[in-house]
C-alpha atoms as a PDB file:
ATOM      1  CA  MET A   1       0.000   0.000   0.000  1.00  0.00           C
ATOM      2  CA  SER A   2       2.797   2.455   0.819  1.00  0.00           C
ATOM      3  CA  LYS A   3       4.374   1.946  -2.615  1.00  0.00           C
ATOM      4  CA  GLY A   4       1.329   2.683  -4.809  1.00  0.00           C
ATOM      5  CA  SER A   5       0.286   5.921  -6.427  1.00  0.00           C
ATOM      6  CA  TYR A   6      -1.292   8.611  -4.247  1.00  0.00           C
ATOM      7  CA  LEU A   7      -4.712   7.594  -5.550  1.00  0.00           C
ATOM      8  CA  ASP A   8      -4.037   3.934  -4.719  1.00  0.00           C
ATOM      9  CA  GLN A   9      -2.877   4.929  -1.240  1.00  0.00           C
ATOM     10  CA  LEU A  10      -5.955   7.096  -0.619  1.00  0.00           C
ATOM     11  CA  ASN A  11      -8.291   4.322  -1.773  1.00  0.00           C
ATOM     12  CA  ALA A  12      -6.498   1.769   0.394  1.00  0.00           C
ATOM     13  CA  MET A  13      -6.622   4.079   3.422  1.00  0.00           C
ATOM     14  CA  CYS A  14     -10.366   4.636   2.980  1.00  0.00           C
ATOM     15  CA  ALA A  15     -10.972   0.897   2.693  1.00  0.00           C
ATOM     16  CA  PHE A  16      -8.805   0.218   5.749  1.00  0.00           C
ATOM     17  CA  ASP A  17     -10.665   2.886   7.725  1.00  0.00           C
ATOM     18  CA  ARG A  18     -14.008   1.223   6.938  1.00  0.00           C
ATOM     19  CA  GLU A  19     -12.678  -2.162   8.064  1.00  0.00           C
ATOM     20  CA  VAL A  20     -11.180  -0.852  11.316  1.00  0.00           C
ATOM     21  CA  GLU A  21     -14.335   1.126  12.096  1.00  0.00           C
ATOM     22  CA  GLN A  22     -16.212  -2.169  12.526  1.00  0.00           C
ATOM     23  CA  PHE A  23     -14.097  -2.959  15.619  1.00  0.00           C
ATOM     24  CA  CYS A  24     -15.272   0.190  17.474  1.00  0.00           C
ATOM     25  CA  LEU A  25     -11.737   1.121  18.540  1.00  0.00           C
ATOM     26  CA  GLY A  26     -12.350   4.852  18.352  1.00  0.00           C
ATOM     27  CA  ASN A  27     -12.592   7.507  15.680  1.00  0.00           C
ATOM     28  CA  PHE A  28      -8.859   7.772  15.086  1.00  0.00           C
ATOM     29  CA  ALA A  29      -7.887   4.098  15.304  1.00  0.00           C
ATOM     30  CA  ALA A  30      -7.210   3.682  11.589  1.00  0.00           C
ATOM     31  CA  ILE A  31      -5.177   6.905  11.486  1.00  0.00           C
ATOM     32  CA  HIS A  32      -3.042   5.778  14.428  1.00  0.00           C
ATOM     33  CA  LEU A  33      -2.394   2.449  12.745  1.00  0.00           C
ATOM     34  CA  LEU A  34      -1.740   3.825   9.266  1.00  0.00           C
ATOM     35  CA  THR A  35       0.542   6.658  10.332  1.00  0.00           C
ATOM     36  CA  SER A  36       2.712   4.612  12.676  1.00  0.00           C
ATOM     37  CA  ALA A  37       6.323   5.032  11.641  1.00  0.00           C
ATOM     38  CA  THR A  38       7.313   1.391  12.217  1.00  0.00           C
ATOM     39  CA  TRP A  39       5.716  -2.000  12.644  1.00  0.00           C
ATOM     40  CA  ASN A  40       6.573  -1.969  16.385  1.00  0.00           C
ATOM     41  CA  ASP A  41       4.883   1.417  16.802  1.00  0.00           C
ATOM     42  CA  ARG A  42       1.842   0.031  14.979  1.00  0.00           C
ATOM     43  CA  VAL A  43       1.665  -2.954  17.355  1.00  0.00           C
ATOM     44  CA  ALA A  44       2.050  -0.616  20.354  1.00  0.00           C
ATOM     45  CA  ALA A  45      -0.765   1.584  19.024  1.00  0.00           C
ATOM     46  CA  ALA A  46      -2.984  -1.462  18.470  1.00  0.00           C
ATOM     47  CA  TRP A  47      -2.180  -2.694  21.988  1.00  0.00           C
ATOM     48  CA  CYS A  48      -3.508   0.606  23.357  1.00  0.00           C
ATOM     49  CA  LEU A  49      -6.519   0.743  21.076  1.00  0.00           C
ATOM     50  CA  VAL A  50      -7.871  -2.690  22.015  1.00  0.00           C
ATOM     51  CA  GLY A  51      -8.028  -1.978  25.734  1.00  0.00           C
ATOM     52  CA  ALA A  52      -7.211  -3.950  28.866  1.00  0.00           C
ATOM     53  CA  GLU A  53      -9.904  -6.610  28.457  1.00  0.00           C
ATOM     54  CA  GLN A  54      -8.796  -7.552  24.939  1.00  0.00           C
ATOM     55  CA  ARG A  55      -5.128  -7.516  25.982  1.00  0.00           C
ATOM     56  CA  ALA A  56      -5.922 -10.056  28.708  1.00  0.00           C
ATOM     57  CA  ILE A  57      -7.737 -12.247  26.172  1.00  0.00           C
ATOM     58  CA  ALA A  58      -4.766 -12.086  23.779  1.00  0.00           C
ATOM     59  CA  ARG A  59      -2.398 -13.187  26.536  1.00  0.00           C
ATOM     60  CA  GLN A  60      -4.736 -16.004  27.535  1.00  0.00           C
ATOM     61  CA  PHE A  61      -4.842 -17.307  23.957  1.00  0.00           C
ATOM     62  CA  VAL A  62      -1.062 -17.536  23.940  1.00  0.00           C
ATOM     63  CA  ALA A  63      -1.004 -19.208  27.366  1.00  0.00           C
ATOM     64  CA  ASP A  64      -3.523 -21.776  26.127  1.00  0.00           C
ATOM     65  CA  GLU A  65      -1.549 -22.239  22.872  1.00  0.00           C
ATOM     66  CA  ALA A  66      -4.653 -21.237  20.941  1.00  0.00           C
ATOM     67  CA  HIS A  67      -4.638 -19.367  17.645  1.00  0.00           C
ATOM     68  CA  ASN A  68      -3.760 -15.717  18.084  1.00  0.00           C
ATOM     69  CA  PHE A  69      -4.107 -12.948  15.506  1.00  0.00           C
ATOM     70  CA  TRP A  70      -1.145 -10.889  16.786  1.00  0.00           C
ATOM     71  CA  PRO A  71       1.995 -11.009  14.613  1.00  0.00           C
ATOM     72  CA  ASP A  72       4.097 -12.437  17.433  1.00  0.00           C
ATOM     73  CA  THR A  73       3.974 -12.978  21.189  1.00  0.00           C
ATOM     74  CA  GLN A  74       6.218 -10.105  22.306  1.00  0.00           C
ATOM     75  CA  PHE A  75       3.283  -8.783  24.369  1.00  0.00           C
ATOM     76  CA  CYS A  76       3.785 -11.745  26.736  1.00  0.00           C
ATOM     77  CA  ASN A  77       7.335 -10.660  27.594  1.00  0.00           C
ATOM     78  CA  PRO A  78       7.978  -9.139  31.032  1.00  0.00           C
ATOM     79  CA  GLY A  79       8.082  -5.385  30.712  1.00  0.00           C
ATOM     80  CA  TRP A  80       5.970  -5.245  27.522  1.00  0.00           C
ATOM     81  CA  ASP A  81       3.349  -2.936  29.016  1.00  0.00           C
ATOM     82  CA  GLU A  82       6.081  -0.591  30.266  1.00  0.00           C
ATOM     83  CA  TYR A  83       7.660  -0.613  26.787  1.00  0.00           C
ATOM     84  CA  VAL A  84       4.292   0.263  25.222  1.00  0.00           C
ATOM     85  CA  GLN A  85       3.732   3.072  27.724  1.00  0.00           C
ATOM     86  CA  ALA A  86       7.150   4.542  26.867  1.00  0.00           C
ATOM     87  CA  ARG A  87       6.523   4.261  23.111  1.00  0.00           C
ATOM     88  CA  ILE A  88       3.062   5.808  23.392  1.00  0.00           C
ATOM     89  CA  THR A  89       4.514   8.701  25.396  1.00  0.00           C
ATOM     90  CA  ALA A  90       7.054   9.256  22.596  1.00  0.00           C
ATOM     91  CA  ILE A  91       4.433   8.889  19.872  1.00  0.00           C
ATOM     92  CA  ASN A  92       2.087  11.359  21.603  1.00  0.00           C
ATOM     93  CA  ALA A  93       4.964  13.808  22.029  1.00  0.00           C
ATOM     94  CA  GLY A  94       5.791  13.581  18.319  1.00  0.00           C
ATOM     95  CA  GLU A  95       9.179  12.001  19.023  1.00  0.00           C
ATOM     96  CA  THR A  96       8.836   9.273  16.417  1.00  0.00           C
ATOM     97  CA  GLU A  97       9.778   9.012  12.774  1.00  0.00           C
ATOM     98  CA  ARG A  98       7.393  10.159  10.086  1.00  0.00           C
ATOM     99  CA  SER A  99       4.801   7.817   8.718  1.00  0.00           C
ATOM    100  CA  GLN A 100       6.090   5.218   6.293  1.00  0.00           C
ATOM    101  CA  PHE A 101       3.408   6.166   3.775  1.00  0.00           C
ATOM    102  CA  GLU A 102       4.444   8.578   1.037  1.00  0.00           C
ATOM    103  CA  ILE A 103       0.932  10.012   0.915  1.00  0.00           C
ATOM    104  CA  VAL A 104       1.837  12.019   4.021  1.00  0.00           C
ATOM    105  CA  ASN A 105       4.117  14.134   1.809  1.00  0.00           C
ATOM    106  CA  PHE A 106       1.054  14.976  -0.284  1.00  0.00           C
ATOM    107  CA  VAL A 107      -1.761  15.391   2.250  1.00  0.00           C
ATOM    108  CA  GLY A 108       0.169  16.082   5.454  1.00  0.00           C
ATOM    109  CA  GLN A 109       0.087  14.342   8.805  1.00  0.00           C
ATOM    110  CA  PRO A 110      -3.570  14.056   9.899  1.00  0.00           C
ATOM    111  CA  ALA A 111      -4.795  15.319  13.243  1.00  0.00           C
ATOM    112  CA  ARG A 112      -5.718  12.629  15.745  1.00  0.00           C
ATOM    113  CA  THR A 113      -6.449  12.107  19.414  1.00  0.00           C
ATOM    114  CA  ARG A 114      -3.680  11.015  21.733  1.00  0.00           C
ATOM    115  CA  LEU A 115      -3.235   7.318  22.393  1.00  0.00           C
ATOM    116  CA  ASP A 116      -4.002   6.272  25.964  1.00  0.00           C
ATOM    117  CA  PHE A 117      -2.686   3.126  27.601  1.00  0.00           C
ATOM    118  CA  THR A 118      -5.043   2.166  30.395  1.00  0.00           C
ATOM    119  CA  GLN A 119      -4.472  -0.837  32.584  1.00  0.00           C
END
């Protein structure tokens, strides 16, 4: 998606937004995910967006060796929540790299609410 034309990127972003909206993660969930500078920042953003109840379910799936939709199990590591809190603080402060999507050069970095990591 990040390598296509600006029109392709806009169409893909709109489609992604519609898909993410179905999960009721908040008005800016898709923007947080799409404008994350790295894959790790995207996982940290998703970890915040899903909330404490869903985080507990994800960890339980791993503990039970059940199928899990997360890309890996780094969220089970000791200190993961502290790592996410530190990354979210940096992301909210604007201390991260620019978005990986070239469309940002064309349309600018969109406004969005701050991410909040609640336990």
